[in-house]
């Protein structure tokens, strides 16, 4: 991936720590669209530790989606 994509992914990973759940949800949606496997571990941490149920569910769903997209891409 290009360095600009890495910067974008890192920006959204950092937003996962925001105190506002709506910001964390938006970051999760963006990470899912980018489908970078670097987001998997941070999403796992959000799923395991976030206090907001909606954020936890979104992190789980996005993590699953990113994992599957990368599995499919690596088997092509």
Protein backbone atom coordinates (compact mmCIF):
# COMPACT_ATOMS: atom_id res chain seq x y z
CA UNK A 1 0.00 0.00 0.00
CA UNK A 2 1.08 3.53 -0.62
CA UNK A 3 2.25 5.76 2.18
CA UNK A 4 -0.78 8.03 1.72
CA UNK A 5 -3.11 5.05 2.26
CA UNK A 6 -1.08 4.08 5.34
CA UNK A 7 -1.50 7.60 6.71
CA UNK A 8 -5.26 7.44 6.14
CA UNK A 9 -5.51 4.04 7.82
CA UNK A 10 -3.45 5.27 10.78
CA UNK A 11 -5.61 8.39 11.05
CA UNK A 12 -8.75 6.27 11.36
CA UNK A 13 -7.08 3.84 13.75
CA UNK A 14 -6.27 6.80 16.01
CA UNK A 15 -9.90 7.94 15.79
CA UNK A 16 -10.94 4.62 17.36
CA UNK A 17 -9.75 6.12 20.67
CA UNK A 18 -12.01 9.18 20.46
CA UNK A 19 -14.33 9.66 23.45
CA UNK A 20 -17.36 10.15 21.17
CA UNK A 21 -18.96 6.89 19.96
CA UNK A 22 -20.15 8.51 16.71
CA UNK A 23 -16.53 9.33 15.80
CA UNK A 24 -15.44 5.77 16.59
CA UNK A 25 -18.29 4.40 14.46
CA UNK A 26 -17.30 6.60 11.52
CA UNK A 27 -13.67 5.49 11.86
CA UNK A 28 -14.78 1.85 11.83
CA UNK A 29 -16.83 2.41 8.66
CA UNK A 30 -13.87 4.07 6.94
CA UNK A 31 -11.49 1.29 7.99
CA UNK A 32 -13.90 -1.30 6.62
CA UNK A 33 -13.99 0.50 3.27
CA UNK A 34 -10.19 0.68 3.15
CA UNK A 35 -9.97 -3.05 4.02
CA UNK A 36 -6.36 -2.78 5.23
CA UNK A 37 -5.40 -5.76 7.42
CA UNK A 38 -3.43 -3.35 9.64
CA UNK A 39 -6.81 -2.38 11.10
CA UNK A 40 -7.62 -5.90 12.31
CA UNK A 41 -5.79 -5.77 15.65
CA UNK A 42 -7.07 -2.27 16.58
CA UNK A 43 -10.61 -3.36 15.69
CA UNK A 44 -10.20 -6.46 17.86
CA UNK A 45 -9.15 -4.25 20.77
CA UNK A 46 -12.21 -2.03 20.24
CA UNK A 47 -14.45 -5.10 20.11
CA UNK A 48 -12.99 -6.45 23.35
CA UNK A 49 -12.86 -3.19 25.32
CA UNK A 50 -15.25 -0.51 24.05
CA UNK A 51 -18.04 0.48 26.44
CA UNK A 52 -20.55 1.12 23.63
CA UNK A 53 -22.39 -1.96 22.34
CA UNK A 54 -23.02 -0.44 18.90
CA UNK A 55 -19.32 0.36 18.49
CA UNK A 56 -18.37 -3.17 19.59
CA UNK A 57 -20.75 -4.73 17.05
CA UNK A 58 -19.49 -2.46 14.28
CA UNK A 59 -15.87 -3.33 15.10
CA UNK A 60 -16.65 -7.03 15.01
CA UNK A 61 -18.47 -6.75 11.69
CA UNK A 62 -15.76 -4.59 10.11
CA UNK A 63 -13.02 -6.92 11.32
CA UNK A 64 -14.79 -9.91 9.84
CA UNK A 65 -15.31 -8.07 6.54
CA UNK A 66 -11.67 -6.96 6.30
CA UNK A 67 -10.43 -10.44 7.16
CA UNK A 68 -12.62 -12.07 4.51
CA UNK A 69 -11.73 -9.51 1.83
CA UNK A 70 -8.06 -10.14 2.44
CA UNK A 71 -8.50 -13.93 2.47
CA UNK A 72 -10.23 -13.73 -0.90
CA UNK A 73 -7.56 -11.41 -2.31
CA UNK A 74 -4.71 -13.65 -1.17
CA UNK A 75 -6.26 -16.78 -2.69
CA UNK A 76 -6.67 -15.21 -6.15
